[in-house]
C-alpha atoms as a PDB file:
ATOM      1  CA  MET A   1    -179.161-116.122  22.012  1.00  0.00           C
ATOM      2  CA  ARG A   2    -179.555-112.390  22.066  1.00  0.00           C
ATOM      3  CA  LYS A   3    -177.524-109.945  23.491  1.00  0.00           C
ATOM      4  CA  ARG A   4    -177.740-107.644  25.932  1.00  0.00           C
ATOM      5  CA  TRP A   5    -176.631-105.218  24.123  1.00  0.00           C
ATOM      6  CA  LEU A   6    -178.472-105.159  21.080  1.00  0.00           C
ATOM      7  CA  PRO A   7    -182.736-104.076  20.614  1.00  0.00           C
ATOM      8  CA  ASP A   8    -185.593-105.868  21.864  1.00  0.00           C
ATOM      9  CA  PRO A   9    -186.514-107.735  18.975  1.00  0.00           C
ATOM     10  CA  GLU A  10    -189.834-107.244  19.747  1.00  0.00           C
ATOM     11  CA  ALA A  11    -189.701-103.435  20.352  1.00  0.00           C
ATOM     12  CA  VAL A  12    -190.279-101.297  17.699  1.00  0.00           C
ATOM     13  CA  TRP A  13    -186.631-100.192  16.896  1.00  0.00           C
ATOM     14  CA  THR A  14    -185.350 -96.527  16.409  1.00  0.00           C
ATOM     15  CA  ASP A  15    -182.725 -95.497  14.070  1.00  0.00           C
ATOM     16  CA  GLU A  16    -180.605 -95.336  15.666  1.00  0.00           C
ATOM     17  CA  ASP A  17    -181.402 -98.662  16.959  1.00  0.00           C
ATOM     18  CA  ALA A  18    -181.072 -99.848  13.605  1.00  0.00           C
ATOM     19  CA  ARG A  19    -177.560 -98.793  13.191  1.00  0.00           C
ATOM     20  CA  LYS A  20    -176.318 -99.908  16.268  1.00  0.00           C
ATOM     21  CA  VAL A  21    -176.964-103.647  15.382  1.00  0.00           C
ATOM     22  CA  LEU A  22    -176.134-102.910  11.105  1.00  0.00           C
ATOM     23  CA  ALA A  23    -172.718-101.706  12.801  1.00  0.00           C
ATOM     24  CA  ALA A  24    -172.004-104.836  15.163  1.00  0.00           C
ATOM     25  CA  TRP A  25    -172.567-107.038  12.371  1.00  0.00           C
ATOM     26  CA  LYS A  26    -170.665-105.209   9.895  1.00  0.00           C
ATOM     27  CA  ARG A  27    -167.559-105.419  12.116  1.00  0.00           C
ATOM     28  CA  THR A  28    -167.937-109.029  11.436  1.00  0.00           C
ATOM     29  CA  THR A  29    -167.225-111.498   8.661  1.00  0.00           C
ATOM     30  CA  GLU A  30    -170.809-113.195   8.793  1.00  0.00           C
ATOM     31  CA  PRO A  31    -173.431-113.429   6.569  1.00  0.00           C
ATOM     32  CA  LEU A  32    -175.952-111.166   7.604  1.00  0.00           C
ATOM     33  CA  ALA A  33    -179.035-113.793   7.986  1.00  0.00           C
ATOM     34  CA  THR A  34    -176.202-115.937   9.722  1.00  0.00           C
ATOM     35  CA  PHE A  35    -175.279-113.276  12.305  1.00  0.00           C
ATOM     36  CA  ALA A  36    -178.807-112.154  12.991  1.00  0.00           C
ATOM     37  CA  ARG A  37    -180.198-116.100  13.948  1.00  0.00           C
ATOM     38  CA  GLU A  38    -176.605-116.128  16.186  1.00  0.00           C
ATOM     39  CA  ASN A  39    -178.099-112.864  18.008  1.00  0.00           C
ATOM     40  CA  GLY A  40    -181.795-113.803  18.744  1.00  0.00           C
ATOM     41  CA  LEU A  41    -182.748-111.401  15.045  1.00  0.00           C
ATOM     42  CA  GLY A  42    -184.911-111.422  12.156  1.00  0.00           C
ATOM     43  CA  ALA A  43    -183.209-111.626   9.578  1.00  0.00           C
ATOM     44  CA  ASN A  44    -185.579-109.896   7.181  1.00  0.00           C
ATOM     45  CA  ARG A  45    -185.581-107.366   9.994  1.00  0.00           C
ATOM     46  CA  LEU A  46    -182.126-106.657   9.250  1.00  0.00           C
ATOM     47  CA  TYR A  47    -182.647-106.780   5.276  1.00  0.00           C
ATOM     48  CA  TRP A  48    -184.939-104.437   5.875  1.00  0.00           C
ATOM     49  CA  TRP A  49    -183.434-101.880   8.180  1.00  0.00           C
ATOM     50  CA  LYS A  50    -180.132-102.163   5.719  1.00  0.00           C
ATOM     51  CA  LYS A  51    -182.362-101.312   2.845  1.00  0.00           C
ATOM     52  CA  ARG A  52    -184.133 -98.663   4.402  1.00  0.00           C
ATOM     53  CA  LEU A  53    -180.952 -96.888   5.693  1.00  0.00           C
ATOM     54  CA  GLY A  54    -179.280 -97.240   2.507  1.00  0.00           C
ATOM     55  CA  GLY A  55    -175.934 -95.868   1.652  1.00  0.00           C
ATOM     56  CA  GLU A  56    -175.904 -94.420   5.266  1.00  0.00           C
ATOM     57  CA  GLN A  57    -172.793 -95.287   6.986  1.00  0.00           C
ATOM     58  CA  ALA A  58    -173.208 -96.520  10.961  1.00  0.00           C
ATOM     59  CA  PRO A  59    -171.047 -94.240  13.399  1.00  0.00           C
ATOM     60  CA  SER A  60    -167.900 -95.188  12.770  1.00  0.00           C
ATOM     61  CA  MET A  61    -166.088 -95.976  16.263  1.00  0.00           C
ATOM     62  CA  LEU A  62    -162.592 -95.465  14.803  1.00  0.00           C
ATOM     63  CA  GLU A  63    -161.189 -92.301  16.087  1.00  0.00           C
ATOM     64  CA  LEU A  64    -157.410 -92.124  14.796  1.00  0.00           C
ATOM     65  CA  VAL A  65    -155.185 -89.408  16.676  1.00  0.00           C
ATOM     66  CA  PRO A  66    -152.595 -87.429  14.952  1.00  0.00           C
ATOM     67  CA  ALA A  67    -149.247 -88.971  14.870  1.00  0.00           C
ATOM     68  CA  ARG A  68    -146.326 -88.941  13.264  1.00  0.00           C
ATOM     69  CA  VAL A  69    -143.514 -91.573  13.657  1.00  0.00           C
ATOM     70  CA  THR A  70    -139.987 -90.368  12.483  1.00  0.00           C
ATOM     71  CA  GLY A  71    -136.850 -92.280  11.481  1.00  0.00           C
ATOM     72  CA  GLY A  72    -137.366 -95.891  10.468  1.00  0.00           C
ATOM     73  CA  GLU A  73    -136.231 -97.489  13.973  1.00  0.00           C
ATOM     74  CA  GLU A  74    -138.754 -99.395  15.811  1.00  0.00           C
ATOM     75  CA  VAL A  75    -141.273 -98.313  19.042  1.00  0.00           C
ATOM     76  CA  SER A  76    -143.610 -99.836  21.042  1.00  0.00           C
ATOM     77  CA  VAL A  77    -147.357 -98.487  19.885  1.00  0.00           C
ATOM     78  CA  VAL A  78    -150.831 -99.004  21.345  1.00  0.00           C
ATOM     79  CA  VAL A  79    -153.879 -98.604  19.678  1.00  0.00           C
ATOM     80  CA  ARG A  80    -157.523 -98.993  21.043  1.00  0.00           C
ATOM     81  CA  ILE A  81    -160.168 -99.120  19.618  1.00  0.00           C
ATOM     82  CA  ALA A  82    -163.875 -99.950  20.307  1.00  0.00           C
ATOM     83  CA  ASN A  83    -164.896-101.854  23.482  1.00  0.00           C
ATOM     84  CA  ASN A  84    -161.710-101.415  25.876  1.00  0.00           C
ATOM     85  CA  VAL A  85    -160.389-103.565  22.893  1.00  0.00           C
ATOM     86  CA  SER A  86    -156.004-102.592  23.373  1.00  0.00           C
ATOM     87  CA  ILE A  87    -153.826-103.958  20.353  1.00  0.00           C
ATOM     88  CA  GLU A  88    -150.411-103.815  21.906  1.00  0.00           C
ATOM     89  CA  ILE A  89    -146.971-103.870  19.573  1.00  0.00           C
ATOM     90  CA  ALA A  90    -144.100-103.479  21.415  1.00  0.00           C
ATOM     91  CA  LYS A  91    -141.349-103.345  18.069  1.00  0.00           C
ATOM     92  CA  ALA A  92    -143.350-101.911  15.078  1.00  0.00           C
ATOM     93  CA  SER A  93    -141.717 -99.905  12.109  1.00  0.00           C
ATOM     94  CA  PRO A  94    -143.371 -97.246  10.433  1.00  0.00           C
ATOM     95  CA  ARG A  95    -144.851 -99.089   8.493  1.00  0.00           C
ATOM     96  CA  LEU A  96    -146.428-101.735  10.188  1.00  0.00           C
ATOM     97  CA  ILE A  97    -147.908 -98.856  11.883  1.00  0.00           C
ATOM     98  CA  ALA A  98    -149.832 -97.199   9.285  1.00  0.00           C
ATOM     99  CA  GLU A  99    -150.802-100.484   7.485  1.00  0.00           C
ATOM    100  CA  LEU A 100    -152.185-101.589  10.789  1.00  0.00           C
ATOM    101  CA  ILE A 101    -154.072 -98.239  10.121  1.00  0.00           C
ATOM    102  CA  GLY A 102    -154.881 -98.476   7.465  1.00  0.00           C
ATOM    103  CA  GLU A 103    -156.906-101.579   7.602  1.00  0.00           C
ATOM    104  CA  LEU A 104    -158.613-100.374  10.963  1.00  0.00           C
ATOM    105  CA  THR A 105    -159.607 -97.480   8.896  1.00  0.00           C
ATOM    106  CA  ARG A 106    -161.377 -99.810   6.354  1.00  0.00           C
ATOM    107  CA  ALA A 107    -162.934-102.230   8.578  1.00  0.00           C
ATOM    108  CA  GLY A 108    -164.364 -99.423  10.583  1.00  0.00           C
ATOM    109  CA  ALA A 109    -163.113-100.763  14.072  1.00  0.00           C
END
């Protein structure tokens, strides 16, 4: 079933429409064909857009705010990512925070 935020599969898509869909797919671990089927989209269309946009990177929704953790003590941290998702950790070491930010950056969250 197609999600409401996805562009109409029957309409002509803009580059921005395609980037939005491809970015949503990249946030999953699903194969492109599975993502397409589960969202009521044509897999061939997504493959075409992926090829057309080539090496373009979909705009990242990740924005890191500069911060410095000093000392070795554990601190509380809240990480806010796309779609109003927050990750709150009551006691996090500077190492855990750095690893979390590294993983989010690589995943393009």
